[in-house]
Amino acid sequence: MDSSSRPGWIFVLQLASIAWMWIFVLGISYWIIHLNRLSRQLHDVPSATVGISLVAIPVFWTVGLVLTYVFVGLRRGGSGDGAGEADTREDRP
C-alpha cells in the first residue's frame, strides 16, 4: 500500500498519537523534576527521589524515542535503506 492510497485521517491519527505520547513523556519528566525540587525544599532525604529520577526519566525518553522512530519508519514504508532485500548483483565471485 503506497502512501497515496492512505486516507488523510490515518496520518492525522498517527501524528496525534505521537503528540500525545510526547506530551506524556514531557509531563512525566517535568513531574519527576518537580518532585526532586520539592524534596530539596522540604529537606527530605533525596536518595529515593534521585534514584527514581535517574531510572525513570531515561526510560521514558528512550521509549518515546523508540516509538517515534517506529512511527517514522512505518510512515516511510521501510524503503530506502536496503534492509531485508536480497543481494542480486551478478558481479559477485
PDB file of N, CA and C in Angstrom:
ATOM      1  N   MET A   1       0.849  -1.168   0.000  1.00  0.00           N
ATOM      2  CA  MET A   1       0.000   0.000   0.000  1.00  0.00           C
ATOM      3  C   MET A   1       0.895   1.232   0.000  1.00  0.00           C
ATOM      4  N   ASP A   2       0.845   2.025  -1.043  1.00  0.00           N
ATOM      5  CA  ASP A   2       1.679   3.218  -1.091  1.00  0.00           C
ATOM      6  C   ASP A   2       1.016   4.355  -0.326  1.00  0.00           C
ATOM      7  N   SER A   3       1.785   5.415  -0.089  1.00  0.00           N
ATOM      8  CA  SER A   3       1.291   6.490   0.764  1.00  0.00           C
ATOM      9  C   SER A   3       0.176   7.287   0.103  1.00  0.00           C
ATOM     10  N   SER A   4       0.044   7.228  -1.220  1.00  0.00           N
ATOM     11  CA  SER A   4      -1.011   7.996  -1.874  1.00  0.00           C
ATOM     12  C   SER A   4      -2.383   7.361  -1.672  1.00  0.00           C
ATOM     13  N   SER A   5      -2.442   6.074  -1.365  1.00  0.00           N
ATOM     14  CA  SER A   5      -3.735   5.419  -1.174  1.00  0.00           C
ATOM     15  C   SER A   5      -4.189   5.422   0.288  1.00  0.00           C
ATOM     16  N   ARG A   6      -3.367   5.929   1.200  1.00  0.00           N
ATOM     17  CA  ARG A   6      -3.761   6.012   2.605  1.00  0.00           C
ATOM     18  C   ARG A   6      -4.666   7.212   2.810  1.00  0.00           C
ATOM     19  N   PRO A   7      -5.718   7.045   3.585  1.00  0.00           N
ATOM     20  CA  PRO A   7      -6.576   8.195   3.900  1.00  0.00           C
ATOM     21  C   PRO A   7      -5.829   9.193   4.779  1.00  0.00           C
ATOM     22  N   GLY A   8      -6.199  10.450   4.667  1.00  0.00           N
ATOM     23  CA  GLY A   8      -5.541  11.502   5.440  1.00  0.00           C
ATOM     24  C   GLY A   8      -5.784  11.396   6.929  1.00  0.00           C
ATOM     25  N   TRP A   9      -6.919  10.819   7.331  1.00  0.00           N
ATOM     26  CA  TRP A   9      -7.219  10.753   8.752  1.00  0.00           C
ATOM     27  C   TRP A   9      -6.313   9.771   9.474  1.00  0.00           C
ATOM     28  N   ILE A  10      -5.767   8.788   8.765  1.00  0.00           N
ATOM     29  CA  ILE A  10      -4.825   7.860   9.396  1.00  0.00           C
ATOM     30  C   ILE A  10      -3.540   8.601   9.755  1.00  0.00           C
ATOM     31  N   PHE A  11      -3.077   9.447   8.850  1.00  0.00           N
ATOM     32  CA  PHE A  11      -1.886  10.252   9.123  1.00  0.00           C
ATOM     33  C   PHE A  11      -2.128  11.187  10.303  1.00  0.00           C
ATOM     34  N   VAL A  12      -3.315  11.776  10.372  1.00  0.00           N
ATOM     35  CA  VAL A  12      -3.654  12.662  11.485  1.00  0.00           C
ATOM     36  C   VAL A  12      -3.670  11.884  12.799  1.00  0.00           C
ATOM     37  N   LEU A  13      -4.219  10.671  12.782  1.00  0.00           N
ATOM     38  CA  LEU A  13      -4.218   9.847  13.995  1.00  0.00           C
ATOM     39  C   LEU A  13      -2.801   9.460  14.408  1.00  0.00           C
ATOM     40  N   GLN A  14      -1.933   9.188  13.431  1.00  0.00           N
ATOM     41  CA  GLN A  14      -0.545   8.869  13.753  1.00  0.00           C
ATOM     42  C   GLN A  14       0.144  10.069  14.399  1.00  0.00           C
ATOM     43  N   LEU A  15      -0.043  11.239  13.826  1.00  0.00           N
ATOM     44  CA  LEU A  15       0.558  12.443  14.407  1.00  0.00           C
ATOM     45  C   LEU A  15      -0.010  12.732  15.792  1.00  0.00           C
ATOM     46  N   ALA A  16      -1.314  12.515  15.960  1.00  0.00           N
ATOM     47  CA  ALA A  16      -1.924  12.751  17.270  1.00  0.00           C
ATOM     48  C   ALA A  16      -1.375  11.787  18.314  1.00  0.00           C
ATOM     49  N   SER A  17      -1.174  10.530  17.928  1.00  0.00           N
ATOM     50  CA  SER A  17      -0.645   9.569  18.901  1.00  0.00           C
ATOM     51  C   SER A  17       0.794   9.903  19.282  1.00  0.00           C
ATOM     52  N   ILE A  18       1.583  10.353  18.318  1.00  0.00           N
ATOM     53  CA  ILE A  18       2.961  10.763  18.632  1.00  0.00           C
ATOM     54  C   ILE A  18       2.941  11.997  19.533  1.00  0.00           C
ATOM     55  N   ALA A  19       2.058  12.948  19.235  1.00  0.00           N
ATOM     56  CA  ALA A  19       1.979  14.165  20.048  1.00  0.00           C
ATOM     57  C   ALA A  19       1.554  13.841  21.475  1.00  0.00           C
ATOM     58  N   TRP A  20       0.530  12.991  21.647  1.00  0.00           N
ATOM     59  CA  TRP A  20       0.091  12.620  22.990  1.00  0.00           C
ATOM     60  C   TRP A  20       1.177  11.859  23.737  1.00  0.00           C
ATOM     61  N   MET A  21       1.914  11.015  23.022  1.00  0.00           N
ATOM     62  CA  MET A  21       2.989  10.272  23.665  1.00  0.00           C
ATOM     63  C   MET A  21       4.052  11.236  24.195  1.00  0.00           C
ATOM     64  N   TRP A  22       4.440  12.243  23.391  1.00  0.00           N
ATOM     65  CA  TRP A  22       5.467  13.185  23.827  1.00  0.00           C
ATOM     66  C   TRP A  22       4.949  14.121  24.915  1.00  0.00           C
ATOM     67  N   ILE A  23       3.659  14.456  24.884  1.00  0.00           N
ATOM     68  CA  ILE A  23       3.089  15.231  25.988  1.00  0.00           C
ATOM     69  C   ILE A  23       3.183  14.422  27.281  1.00  0.00           C
ATOM     70  N   PHE A  24       2.902  13.127  27.192  1.00  0.00           N
ATOM     71  CA  PHE A  24       3.008  12.251  28.356  1.00  0.00           C
ATOM     72  C   PHE A  24       4.451  12.162  28.848  1.00  0.00           C
ATOM     73  N   VAL A  25       5.403  11.946  27.950  1.00  0.00           N
ATOM     74  CA  VAL A  25       6.817  11.814  28.337  1.00  0.00           C
ATOM     75  C   VAL A  25       7.323  13.109  28.959  1.00  0.00           C
ATOM     76  N   LEU A  26       7.013  14.237  28.337  1.00  0.00           N
ATOM     77  CA  LEU A  26       7.464  15.517  28.888  1.00  0.00           C
ATOM     78  C   LEU A  26       6.767  15.822  30.213  1.00  0.00           C
ATOM     79  N   GLY A  27       5.492  15.459  30.327  1.00  0.00           N
ATOM     80  CA  GLY A  27       4.772  15.672  31.581  1.00  0.00           C
ATOM     81  C   GLY A  27       5.347  14.846  32.721  1.00  0.00           C
ATOM     82  N   ILE A  28       5.641  13.586  32.454  1.00  0.00           N
ATOM     83  CA  ILE A  28       6.243  12.727  33.480  1.00  0.00           C
ATOM     84  C   ILE A  28       7.625  13.255  33.872  1.00  0.00           C
ATOM     85  N   SER A  29       8.408  13.668  32.885  1.00  0.00           N
ATOM     86  CA  SER A  29       9.740  14.209  33.185  1.00  0.00           C
ATOM     87  C   SER A  29       9.647  15.469  34.040  1.00  0.00           C
ATOM     88  N   TYR A  30       8.719  16.367  33.682  1.00  0.00           N
ATOM     89  CA  TYR A  30       8.537  17.583  34.466  1.00  0.00           C
ATOM     90  C   TYR A  30       8.085  17.255  35.890  1.00  0.00           C
ATOM     91  N   TRP A  31       7.163  16.303  36.012  1.00  0.00           N
ATOM     92  CA  TRP A  31       6.649  15.933  37.320  1.00  0.00           C
ATOM     93  C   TRP A  31       7.755  15.361  38.214  1.00  0.00           C
ATOM     94  N   ILE A  32       8.607  14.519  37.657  1.00  0.00           N
ATOM     95  CA  ILE A  32       9.696  13.930  38.441  1.00  0.00           C
ATOM     96  C   ILE A  32      10.705  14.998  38.844  1.00  0.00           C
ATOM     97  N   ILE A  33      11.006  15.924  37.937  1.00  0.00           N
ATOM     98  CA  ILE A  33      11.922  17.019  38.285  1.00  0.00           C
ATOM     99  C   ILE A  33      11.303  17.897  39.371  1.00  0.00           C
ATOM    100  N   HIS A  34       9.997  18.135  39.269  1.00  0.00           N
ATOM    101  CA  HIS A  34       9.290  18.899  40.301  1.00  0.00           C
ATOM    102  C   HIS A  34       9.376  18.187  41.660  1.00  0.00           C
ATOM    103  N   LEU A  35       9.226  16.866  41.660  1.00  0.00           N
ATOM    104  CA  LEU A  35       9.349  16.122  42.916  1.00  0.00           C
ATOM    105  C   LEU A  35      10.756  16.230  43.494  1.00  0.00           C
ATOM    106  N   ASN A  36      11.776  16.251  42.647  1.00  0.00           N
ATOM    107  CA  ASN A  36      13.147  16.444  43.128  1.00  0.00           C
ATOM    108  C   ASN A  36      13.301  17.809  43.786  1.00  0.00           C
ATOM    109  N   ARG A  37      12.760  18.842  43.146  1.00  0.00           N
ATOM    110  CA  ARG A  37      12.850  20.187  43.724  1.00  0.00           C
ATOM    111  C   ARG A  37      12.087  20.267  45.044  1.00  0.00           C
ATOM    112  N   LEU A  38      10.902  19.673  45.079  1.00  0.00           N
ATOM    113  CA  LEU A  38      10.102  19.689  46.296  1.00  0.00           C
ATOM    114  C   LEU A  38      10.799  18.937  47.420  1.00  0.00           C
ATOM    115  N   SER A  39      11.418  17.831  47.106  1.00  0.00           N
ATOM    116  CA  SER A  39      12.164  17.067  48.099  1.00  0.00           C
ATOM    117  C   SER A  39      13.303  17.898  48.674  1.00  0.00           C
ATOM    118  N   ARG A  40      13.952  18.653  47.833  1.00  0.00           N
ATOM    119  CA  ARG A  40      15.055  19.502  48.290  1.00  0.00           C
ATOM    120  C   ARG A  40      14.539  20.643  49.166  1.00  0.00           C
ATOM    121  N   GLN A  41      13.403  21.241  48.772  1.00  0.00           N
ATOM    122  CA  GLN A  41      12.840  22.341  49.564  1.00  0.00           C
ATOM    123  C   GLN A  41      12.382  21.877  50.940  1.00  0.00           C
ATOM    124  N   LEU A  42      11.862  20.651  51.014  1.00  0.00           N
ATOM    125  CA  LEU A  42      11.363  20.126  52.287  1.00  0.00           C
ATOM    126  C   LEU A  42      12.452  19.463  53.126  1.00  0.00           C
ATOM    127  N   HIS A  43      13.687  19.528  52.635  1.00  0.00           N
ATOM    128  CA  HIS A  43      14.833  18.927  53.323  1.00  0.00           C
ATOM    129  C   HIS A  43      14.614  17.438  53.569  1.00  0.00           C
ATOM    130  N   ASP A  44      14.031  16.788  52.583  1.00  0.00           N
ATOM    131  CA  ASP A  44      13.768  15.356  52.651  1.00  0.00           C
ATOM    132  C   ASP A  44      15.036  14.612  52.211  1.00  0.00           C
ATOM    133  N   VAL A  45      15.101  13.340  52.552  1.00  0.00           N
ATOM    134  CA  VAL A  45      16.224  12.519  52.108  1.00  0.00           C
ATOM    135  C   VAL A  45      16.061  12.294  50.601  1.00  0.00           C
ATOM    136  N   PRO A  46      17.006  12.753  49.802  1.00  0.00           N
ATOM    137  CA  PRO A  46      16.806  12.714  48.346  1.00  0.00           C
ATOM    138  C   PRO A  46      17.171  11.388  47.692  1.00  0.00           C
ATOM    139  N   SER A  47      17.544  10.398  48.467  1.00  0.00           N
ATOM    140  CA  SER A  47      18.054   9.173  47.851  1.00  0.00           C
ATOM    141  C   SER A  47      17.007   8.478  46.987  1.00  0.00           C
ATOM    142  N   ALA A  48      15.789   8.332  47.472  1.00  0.00           N
ATOM    143  CA  ALA A  48      14.750   7.658  46.690  1.00  0.00           C
ATOM    144  C   ALA A  48      14.333   8.499  45.497  1.00  0.00           C
ATOM    145  N   THR A  49      14.193   9.800  45.707  1.00  0.00           N
ATOM    146  CA  THR A  49      13.763  10.678  44.623  1.00  0.00           C
ATOM    147  C   THR A  49      14.801  10.733  43.514  1.00  0.00           C
ATOM    148  N   VAL A  50      16.040  10.850  43.886  1.00  0.00           N
ATOM    149  CA  VAL A  50      17.106  10.892  42.888  1.00  0.00           C
ATOM    150  C   VAL A  50      17.239   9.537  42.195  1.00  0.00           C
ATOM    151  N   GLY A  51      17.128   8.470  42.947  1.00  0.00           N
ATOM    152  CA  GLY A  51      17.211   7.137  42.345  1.00  0.00           C
ATOM    153  C   GLY A  51      16.101   6.882  41.341  1.00  0.00           C
ATOM    154  N   ILE A  52      14.883   7.286  41.694  1.00  0.00           N
ATOM    155  CA  ILE A  52      13.762   7.110  40.775  1.00  0.00           C
ATOM    156  C   ILE A  52      13.956   7.966  39.532  1.00  0.00           C
ATOM    157  N   SER A  53      14.400   9.191  39.708  1.00  0.00           N
ATOM    158  CA  SER A  53      14.559  10.074  38.546  1.00  0.00           C
ATOM    159  C   SER A  53      15.694   9.626  37.643  1.00  0.00           C
ATOM    160  N   LEU A  54      16.746   9.043  38.214  1.00  0.00           N
ATOM    161  CA  LEU A  54      17.852   8.557  37.380  1.00  0.00           C
ATOM    162  C   LEU A  54      17.450   7.364  36.522  1.00  0.00           C
ATOM    163  N   VAL A  55      16.435   6.637  36.954  1.00  0.00           N
ATOM    164  CA  VAL A  55      15.961   5.487  36.184  1.00  0.00           C
ATOM    165  C   VAL A  55      14.772   5.856  35.302  1.00  0.00           C
ATOM    166  N   ALA A  56      13.804   6.558  35.866  1.00  0.00           N
ATOM    167  CA  ALA A  56      12.533   6.775  35.163  1.00  0.00           C
ATOM    168  C   ALA A  56      12.658   7.724  33.984  1.00  0.00           C
ATOM    169  N   ILE A  57      13.358   8.830  34.137  1.00  0.00           N
ATOM    170  CA  ILE A  57      13.428   9.805  33.048  1.00  0.00           C
ATOM    171  C   ILE A  57      14.098   9.212  31.810  1.00  0.00           C
ATOM    172  N   PRO A  58      15.268   8.572  31.914  1.00  0.00           N
ATOM    173  CA  PRO A  58      15.839   7.971  30.697  1.00  0.00           C
ATOM    174  C   PRO A  58      14.986   6.865  30.093  1.00  0.00           C
ATOM    175  N   VAL A  59      14.274   6.109  30.943  1.00  0.00           N
ATOM    176  CA  VAL A  59      13.416   5.046  30.414  1.00  0.00           C
ATOM    177  C   VAL A  59      12.274   5.644  29.598  1.00  0.00           C
ATOM    178  N   PHE A  60      11.599   6.661  30.125  1.00  0.00           N
ATOM    179  CA  PHE A  60      10.507   7.283  29.384  1.00  0.00           C
ATOM    180  C   PHE A  60      11.006   7.925  28.092  1.00  0.00           C
ATOM    181  N   TRP A  61      12.149   8.606  28.147  1.00  0.00           N
ATOM    182  CA  TRP A  61      12.693   9.232  26.934  1.00  0.00           C
ATOM    183  C   TRP A  61      13.093   8.189  25.904  1.00  0.00           C
ATOM    184  N   THR A  62      13.671   7.083  26.357  1.00  0.00           N
ATOM    185  CA  THR A  62      14.057   6.019  25.419  1.00  0.00           C
ATOM    186  C   THR A  62      12.828   5.406  24.760  1.00  0.00           C
ATOM    187  N   VAL A  63      11.805   5.134  25.538  1.00  0.00           N
ATOM    188  CA  VAL A  63      10.572   4.579  24.965  1.00  0.00           C
ATOM    189  C   VAL A  63       9.958   5.569  23.981  1.00  0.00           C
ATOM    190  N   GLY A  64       9.943   6.832  24.328  1.00  0.00           N
ATOM    191  CA  GLY A  64       9.406   7.848  23.421  1.00  0.00           C
ATOM    192  C   GLY A  64      10.188   7.935  22.126  1.00  0.00           C
ATOM    193  N   LEU A  65      11.501   7.900  22.216  1.00  0.00           N
ATOM    194  CA  LEU A  65      12.334   7.970  21.013  1.00  0.00           C
ATOM    195  C   LEU A  65      12.182   6.725  20.151  1.00  0.00           C
ATOM    196  N   VAL A  66      12.108   5.559  20.775  1.00  0.00           N
ATOM    197  CA  VAL A  66      11.948   4.317  20.013  1.00  0.00           C
ATOM    198  C   VAL A  66      10.595   4.301  19.299  1.00  0.00           C
ATOM    199  N   LEU A  67       9.533   4.674  20.000  1.00  0.00           N
ATOM    200  CA  LEU A  67       8.221   4.684  19.366  1.00  0.00           C
ATOM    201  C   LEU A  67       8.135   5.720  18.245  1.00  0.00           C
ATOM    202  N   THR A  68       8.779   6.865  18.428  1.00  0.00           N
ATOM    203  CA  THR A  68       8.823   7.861  17.346  1.00  0.00           C
ATOM    204  C   THR A  68       9.581   7.311  16.153  1.00  0.00           C
ATOM    205  N   TYR A  69      10.691   6.627  16.409  1.00  0.00           N
ATOM    206  CA  TYR A  69      11.464   6.018  15.329  1.00  0.00           C
ATOM    207  C   TYR A  69      10.633   4.980  14.577  1.00  0.00           C
ATOM    208  N   VAL A  70       9.852   4.195  15.304  1.00  0.00           N
ATOM    209  CA  VAL A  70       8.999   3.183  14.672  1.00  0.00           C
ATOM    210  C   VAL A  70       7.925   3.850  13.820  1.00  0.00           C
ATOM    211  N   PHE A  71       7.264   4.884  14.354  1.00  0.00           N
ATOM    212  CA  PHE A  71       6.230   5.565  13.581  1.00  0.00           C
ATOM    213  C   PHE A  71       6.799   6.198  12.321  1.00  0.00           C
ATOM    214  N   VAL A  72       7.977   6.814  12.432  1.00  0.00           N
ATOM    215  CA  VAL A  72       8.592   7.425  11.252  1.00  0.00           C
ATOM    216  C   VAL A  72       8.982   6.346  10.252  1.00  0.00           C
ATOM    217  N   GLY A  73       9.510   5.231  10.725  1.00  0.00           N
ATOM    218  CA  GLY A  73       9.866   4.126   9.838  1.00  0.00           C
ATOM    219  C   GLY A  73       8.662   3.536   9.141  1.00  0.00           C
ATOM    220  N   LEU A  74       7.546   3.407   9.852  1.00  0.00           N
ATOM    221  CA  LEU A  74       6.322   2.909   9.224  1.00  0.00           C
ATOM    222  C   LEU A  74       5.789   3.901   8.209  1.00  0.00           C
ATOM    223  N   ARG A  75       5.918   5.175   8.503  1.00  0.00           N
ATOM    224  CA  ARG A  75       5.438   6.203   7.571  1.00  0.00           C
ATOM    225  C   ARG A  75       6.252   6.187   6.282  1.00  0.00           C
ATOM    226  N   ARG A  76       7.544   5.957   6.400  1.00  0.00           N
ATOM    227  CA  ARG A  76       8.400   5.896   5.206  1.00  0.00           C
ATOM    228  C   ARG A  76       8.192   4.609   4.435  1.00  0.00           C
ATOM    229  N   GLY A  77       7.633   3.616   5.039  1.00  0.00           N
ATOM    230  CA  GLY A  77       7.371   2.353   4.372  1.00  0.00           C
ATOM    231  C   GLY A  77       8.531   1.389   4.413  1.00  0.00           C
ATOM    232  N   GLY A  78       9.563   1.707   5.156  1.00  0.00           N
ATOM    233  CA  GLY A  78      10.688   0.798   5.302  1.00  0.00           C
ATOM    234  C   GLY A  78      11.586   0.719   4.087  1.00  0.00           C
ATOM    235  N   SER A  79      11.399   1.572   3.097  1.00  0.00           N
ATOM    236  CA  SER A  79      12.244   1.516   1.912  1.00  0.00           C
ATOM    237  C   SER A  79      13.364   2.535   2.024  1.00  0.00           C
ATOM    238  N   GLY A  80      14.389   2.301   1.252  1.00  0.00           N
ATOM    239  CA  GLY A  80      15.472   3.267   1.200  1.00  0.00           C
ATOM    240  C   GLY A  80      16.771   2.796   1.803  1.00  0.00           C
ATOM    241  N   ASP A  81      16.750   1.947   2.803  1.00  0.00           N
ATOM    242  CA  ASP A  81      17.998   1.526   3.419  1.00  0.00           C
ATOM    243  C   ASP A  81      18.454   0.163   2.933  1.00  0.00           C
ATOM    244  N   GLY A  82      17.626  -0.544   2.205  1.00  0.00           N
ATOM    245  CA  GLY A  82      18.017  -1.832   1.648  1.00  0.00           C
ATOM    246  C   GLY A  82      17.955  -2.973   2.641  1.00  0.00           C
ATOM    247  N   ALA A  83      17.413  -2.744   3.798  1.00  0.00           N
ATOM    248  CA  ALA A  83      17.346  -3.796   4.806  1.00  0.00           C
ATOM    249  C   ALA A  83      16.337  -4.856   4.382  1.00  0.00           C
ATOM    250  N   GLY A  84      16.726  -6.081   4.484  1.00  0.00           N
ATOM    251  CA  GLY A  84      15.833  -7.179   4.174  1.00  0.00           C
ATOM    252  C   GLY A  84      15.767  -7.530   2.704  1.00  0.00           C
ATOM    253  N   GLU A  85      16.478  -6.814   1.884  1.00  0.00           N
ATOM    254  CA  GLU A  85      16.459  -7.116   0.463  1.00  0.00           C
ATOM    255  C   GLU A  85      17.605  -8.051   0.122  1.00  0.00           C
ATOM    256  N   ALA A  86      17.362  -8.947  -0.807  1.00  0.00           N
ATOM    257  CA  ALA A  86      18.399  -9.892  -1.222  1.00  0.00           C
ATOM    258  C   ALA A  86      19.402  -9.189  -2.135  1.00  0.00           C
ATOM    259  N   ASP A  87      20.633  -9.626  -2.052  1.00  0.00           N
ATOM    260  CA  ASP A  87      21.675  -9.071  -2.912  1.00  0.00           C
ATOM    261  C   ASP A  87      21.585  -9.750  -4.270  1.00  0.00           C
ATOM    262  N   THR A  88      21.250  -8.973  -5.286  1.00  0.00           N
ATOM    263  CA  THR A  88      21.029  -9.547  -6.623  1.00  0.00           C
ATOM    264  C   THR A  88      22.109  -9.141  -7.611  1.00  0.00           C
ATOM    265  N   ARG A  89      23.257  -8.696  -7.124  1.00  0.00           N
ATOM    266  CA  ARG A  89      24.321  -8.303  -8.048  1.00  0.00           C
ATOM    267  C   ARG A  89      24.907  -9.539  -8.722  1.00  0.00           C
ATOM    268  N   GLU A  90      25.165  -9.408 -10.010  1.00  0.00           N
ATOM    269  CA  GLU A  90      25.707 -10.514 -10.787  1.00  0.00           C
ATOM    270  C   GLU A  90      27.230 -10.578 -10.735  1.00  0.00           C
ATOM    271  N   ASP A  91      27.902  -9.500 -10.345  1.00  0.00           N
ATOM    272  CA  ASP A  91      29.352  -9.453 -10.430  1.00  0.00           C
ATOM    273  C   ASP A  91      30.045  -9.994  -9.179  1.00  0.00           C
ATOM    274  N   ARG A  92      29.354 -10.622  -8.293  1.00  0.00           N
ATOM    275  CA  ARG A  92      29.977 -11.200  -7.097  1.00  0.00           C
ATOM    276  C   ARG A  92      30.673 -12.503  -7.458  1.00  0.00           C
ATOM    277  N   PRO A  93      31.854 -12.730  -6.886  1.00  0.00           N
ATOM    278  CA  PRO A  93      32.551 -14.002  -7.193  1.00  0.00           C
ATOM    279  C   PRO A  93      31.915 -15.175  -6.485  1.00  0.00           C
TER     280      PRO A  93
END
